[in-house]
Amino acid sequence: MKISEIASEKIDKLPLEKQQEVLDFIEFIQSKIEPEKIGKPILFPETTQEITTQEKLAGSMKGTFILPLSEDFDEPLEEFEGYM
């Protein structure tokens, strides 16, 4: 008996909602192996791209934060004065 036949028999015995979970898991595995062959979009396409050396360098995110930081952001916190 082939693996697909064994799996099919076992899946047929599961409740419908568990069969859907199995199908979702199979599609998830397929999307990791062959994303271009599956008809669904990839949820996180940035994770499938290769990371270049430039992207791995320390400080490569410098200047990308646009949050309004207070002037005393880098100052020690009062709560930690006893530890310093």
N, C-alpha and C. Protein backbone atom coordinates (compact mmCIF):
# COMPACT_ATOMS: atom_id res chain seq x y z
N MET A 1 0.83 -1.18 0.00
CA MET A 1 0.00 0.00 0.00
C MET A 1 0.88 1.25 0.00
N LYS A 2 0.55 2.23 -0.83
CA LYS A 2 1.32 3.46 -0.91
C LYS A 2 0.99 4.36 0.27
N ILE A 3 1.92 5.25 0.57
CA ILE A 3 1.72 6.20 1.68
C ILE A 3 0.47 7.04 1.45
N SER A 4 0.25 7.48 0.23
CA SER A 4 -0.92 8.31 -0.04
C SER A 4 -2.23 7.56 0.21
N GLU A 5 -2.24 6.25 -0.05
CA GLU A 5 -3.44 5.45 0.22
C GLU A 5 -3.67 5.28 1.71
N ILE A 6 -2.60 5.06 2.46
CA ILE A 6 -2.71 4.93 3.91
C ILE A 6 -3.19 6.25 4.52
N ALA A 7 -2.58 7.33 4.07
CA ALA A 7 -2.97 8.65 4.58
C ALA A 7 -4.42 8.95 4.25
N SER A 8 -4.83 8.62 3.04
CA SER A 8 -6.22 8.87 2.62
C SER A 8 -7.21 8.11 3.49
N GLU A 9 -6.91 6.86 3.80
CA GLU A 9 -7.79 6.07 4.66
C GLU A 9 -7.89 6.67 6.05
N LYS A 10 -6.76 7.10 6.58
CA LYS A 10 -6.76 7.68 7.93
C LYS A 10 -7.49 9.02 7.94
N ILE A 11 -7.31 9.83 6.90
CA ILE A 11 -7.98 11.12 6.81
C ILE A 11 -9.49 10.93 6.71
N ASP A 12 -9.92 9.93 5.96
CA ASP A 12 -11.36 9.66 5.81
C ASP A 12 -12.03 9.34 7.14
N LYS A 13 -11.27 8.82 8.10
CA LYS A 13 -11.84 8.46 9.40
C LYS A 13 -11.91 9.65 10.37
N LEU A 14 -11.25 10.76 10.02
CA LEU A 14 -11.24 11.94 10.89
C LEU A 14 -12.53 12.73 10.74
N PRO A 15 -12.90 13.50 11.78
CA PRO A 15 -14.03 14.42 11.64
C PRO A 15 -13.71 15.48 10.58
N LEU A 16 -14.73 16.09 10.02
CA LEU A 16 -14.58 17.03 8.91
C LEU A 16 -13.64 18.19 9.26
N GLU A 17 -13.76 18.74 10.48
CA GLU A 17 -12.91 19.89 10.83
C GLU A 17 -11.44 19.48 10.94
N LYS A 18 -11.18 18.23 11.35
CA LYS A 18 -9.79 17.75 11.41
C LYS A 18 -9.26 17.47 10.01
N GLN A 19 -10.14 17.03 9.10
CA GLN A 19 -9.73 16.83 7.71
C GLN A 19 -9.30 18.17 7.11
N GLN A 20 -10.02 19.24 7.46
CA GLN A 20 -9.66 20.56 6.97
C GLN A 20 -8.30 20.98 7.51
N GLU A 21 -8.02 20.67 8.78
CA GLU A 21 -6.71 20.98 9.36
C GLU A 21 -5.60 20.24 8.62
N VAL A 22 -5.84 18.98 8.30
CA VAL A 22 -4.84 18.20 7.57
C VAL A 22 -4.59 18.82 6.19
N LEU A 23 -5.66 19.21 5.52
CA LEU A 23 -5.52 19.84 4.21
C LEU A 23 -4.74 21.16 4.32
N ASP A 24 -5.07 21.95 5.33
CA ASP A 24 -4.35 23.21 5.53
C ASP A 24 -2.86 22.96 5.78
N PHE A 25 -2.56 21.92 6.57
CA PHE A 25 -1.16 21.60 6.86
C PHE A 25 -0.43 21.15 5.60
N ILE A 26 -1.08 20.36 4.79
CA ILE A 26 -0.47 19.90 3.53
C ILE A 26 -0.17 21.10 2.63
N GLU A 27 -1.13 22.03 2.53
CA GLU A 27 -0.91 23.23 1.71
C GLU A 27 0.20 24.09 2.26
N PHE A 28 0.32 24.15 3.60
CA PHE A 28 1.41 24.90 4.22
C PHE A 28 2.76 24.30 3.84
N ILE A 29 2.87 22.98 3.95
CA ILE A 29 4.12 22.31 3.59
C ILE A 29 4.44 22.52 2.12
N GLN A 30 3.44 22.41 1.26
CA GLN A 30 3.67 22.62 -0.18
C GLN A 30 4.14 24.04 -0.45
N SER A 31 3.58 25.01 0.24
CA SER A 31 3.97 26.40 0.00
C SER A 31 5.42 26.66 0.38
N LYS A 32 5.94 25.91 1.37
CA LYS A 32 7.34 26.06 1.74
C LYS A 32 8.26 25.38 0.74
N ILE A 33 7.79 24.30 0.13
CA ILE A 33 8.62 23.54 -0.80
C ILE A 33 8.58 24.14 -2.19
N GLU A 34 7.40 24.44 -2.66
CA GLU A 34 7.23 24.91 -4.03
C GLU A 34 6.22 26.06 -4.10
N PRO A 35 6.59 27.24 -3.57
CA PRO A 35 5.63 28.34 -3.50
C PRO A 35 5.14 28.83 -4.86
N GLU A 36 5.95 28.69 -5.89
CA GLU A 36 5.52 29.18 -7.21
C GLU A 36 4.50 28.25 -7.87
N LYS A 37 4.41 27.00 -7.41
CA LYS A 37 3.49 26.05 -8.01
C LYS A 37 2.13 26.03 -7.33
N ILE A 38 2.02 26.61 -6.15
CA ILE A 38 0.77 26.66 -5.42
C ILE A 38 0.03 27.93 -5.83
N GLY A 39 -1.26 27.85 -5.99
CA GLY A 39 -2.04 28.98 -6.46
C GLY A 39 -2.37 30.02 -5.41
N LYS A 40 -1.78 29.93 -4.23
CA LYS A 40 -2.08 30.87 -3.15
C LYS A 40 -0.91 31.82 -2.95
N PRO A 41 -1.20 33.04 -2.50
CA PRO A 41 -0.10 33.97 -2.21
C PRO A 41 0.64 33.54 -0.95
N ILE A 42 1.89 33.90 -0.87
CA ILE A 42 2.70 33.61 0.31
C ILE A 42 2.40 34.68 1.35
N LEU A 43 2.14 34.27 2.59
CA LEU A 43 1.78 35.23 3.62
C LEU A 43 2.92 36.17 3.98
N PHE A 44 4.14 35.65 4.05
CA PHE A 44 5.28 36.45 4.42
C PHE A 44 6.37 36.32 3.36
N PRO A 45 6.22 37.04 2.23
CA PRO A 45 7.19 36.86 1.15
C PRO A 45 8.60 37.29 1.53
N GLU A 46 8.72 38.20 2.53
CA GLU A 46 10.05 38.64 2.91
C GLU A 46 10.88 37.53 3.53
N THR A 47 10.24 36.49 4.05
CA THR A 47 10.99 35.39 4.66
C THR A 47 11.53 34.43 3.62
N THR A 48 11.07 34.51 2.38
CA THR A 48 11.54 33.60 1.35
C THR A 48 12.70 34.18 0.56
N GLN A 49 13.01 35.45 0.76
CA GLN A 49 14.10 36.07 0.03
C GLN A 49 15.43 35.73 0.70
N GLU A 50 16.47 35.68 -0.12
CA GLU A 50 17.79 35.44 0.44
C GLU A 50 18.28 36.70 1.14
N ILE A 51 18.97 36.52 2.24
CA ILE A 51 19.51 37.65 2.97
C ILE A 51 20.91 37.92 2.46
N THR A 52 21.14 39.13 2.02
CA THR A 52 22.46 39.48 1.51
C THR A 52 23.35 39.88 2.67
N THR A 53 24.64 39.95 2.41
CA THR A 53 25.61 40.32 3.43
C THR A 53 25.31 41.72 3.94
N GLN A 54 24.90 42.62 3.07
CA GLN A 54 24.60 43.99 3.46
C GLN A 54 23.47 44.02 4.49
N GLU A 55 22.46 43.18 4.33
CA GLU A 55 21.33 43.17 5.24
C GLU A 55 21.70 42.60 6.60
N LYS A 56 22.74 41.78 6.67
CA LYS A 56 23.13 41.15 7.93
C LYS A 56 24.05 42.03 8.76
N LEU A 57 24.63 43.06 8.20
CA LEU A 57 25.60 43.86 8.91
C LEU A 57 24.97 44.60 10.08
N ALA A 58 25.70 44.66 11.18
CA ALA A 58 25.23 45.41 12.34
C ALA A 58 25.09 46.89 11.96
N GLY A 59 24.01 47.50 12.40
CA GLY A 59 23.77 48.90 12.10
C GLY A 59 23.10 49.14 10.77
N SER A 60 22.69 48.08 10.09
CA SER A 60 22.06 48.27 8.77
C SER A 60 20.69 48.92 8.87
N MET A 61 20.10 48.95 10.07
CA MET A 61 18.79 49.58 10.27
C MET A 61 18.91 51.02 10.77
N LYS A 62 20.13 51.52 10.88
CA LYS A 62 20.36 52.86 11.40
C LYS A 62 19.63 53.88 10.53
N GLY A 63 18.89 54.75 11.20
CA GLY A 63 18.17 55.81 10.50
C GLY A 63 16.80 55.40 9.99
N THR A 64 16.39 54.18 10.23
CA THR A 64 15.10 53.74 9.72
C THR A 64 13.96 53.95 10.71
N PHE A 65 14.27 54.24 11.97
CA PHE A 65 13.22 54.45 12.95
C PHE A 65 12.69 55.87 12.85
N ILE A 66 11.41 56.01 12.74
CA ILE A 66 10.78 57.31 12.57
C ILE A 66 9.99 57.68 13.82
N LEU A 67 10.07 56.85 14.86
CA LEU A 67 9.32 57.11 16.08
C LEU A 67 9.79 58.40 16.72
N PRO A 68 8.87 59.15 17.29
CA PRO A 68 9.30 60.37 18.01
C PRO A 68 9.87 59.97 19.36
N LEU A 69 11.19 59.97 19.47
CA LEU A 69 11.86 59.61 20.71
C LEU A 69 12.15 60.87 21.52
N SER A 70 12.03 60.76 22.84
CA SER A 70 12.29 61.91 23.69
C SER A 70 13.78 62.22 23.70
N GLU A 71 14.10 63.45 24.11
CA GLU A 71 15.51 63.88 24.13
C GLU A 71 16.33 63.07 25.13
N ASP A 72 15.70 62.60 26.22
CA ASP A 72 16.44 61.86 27.24
C ASP A 72 16.30 60.35 27.05
N PHE A 73 16.06 59.92 25.87
CA PHE A 73 15.84 58.50 25.58
C PHE A 73 17.03 57.63 26.02
N ASP A 74 18.24 58.10 25.78
CA ASP A 74 19.43 57.31 26.10
C ASP A 74 19.92 57.49 27.53
N GLU A 75 19.27 58.35 28.32
CA GLU A 75 19.67 58.59 29.70
C GLU A 75 19.28 57.39 30.57
N PRO A 76 20.05 57.13 31.63
CA PRO A 76 19.70 56.02 32.54
C PRO A 76 18.35 56.27 33.21
N LEU A 77 17.61 55.23 33.48
CA LEU A 77 16.31 55.34 34.13
C LEU A 77 16.50 55.51 35.64
N GLU A 78 15.64 56.31 36.24
CA GLU A 78 15.72 56.54 37.69
C GLU A 78 15.57 55.23 38.47
N GLU A 79 14.75 54.32 37.95
CA GLU A 79 14.49 53.05 38.63
C GLU A 79 15.76 52.20 38.79
N PHE A 80 16.75 52.43 37.93
CA PHE A 80 17.96 51.61 37.95
C PHE A 80 19.14 52.31 38.60
N GLU A 81 18.94 53.46 39.24
CA GLU A 81 20.04 54.20 39.85
C GLU A 81 20.78 53.37 40.91
N GLY A 82 20.04 52.55 41.65
CA GLY A 82 20.66 51.71 42.69
C GLY A 82 21.57 50.64 42.14
N TYR A 83 21.43 50.31 40.88
CA TYR A 83 22.24 49.26 40.25
C TYR A 83 23.48 49.80 39.56
N MET A 84 23.57 51.10 39.43
CA MET A 84 24.67 51.67 38.66
C MET A 84 25.75 52.22 39.59
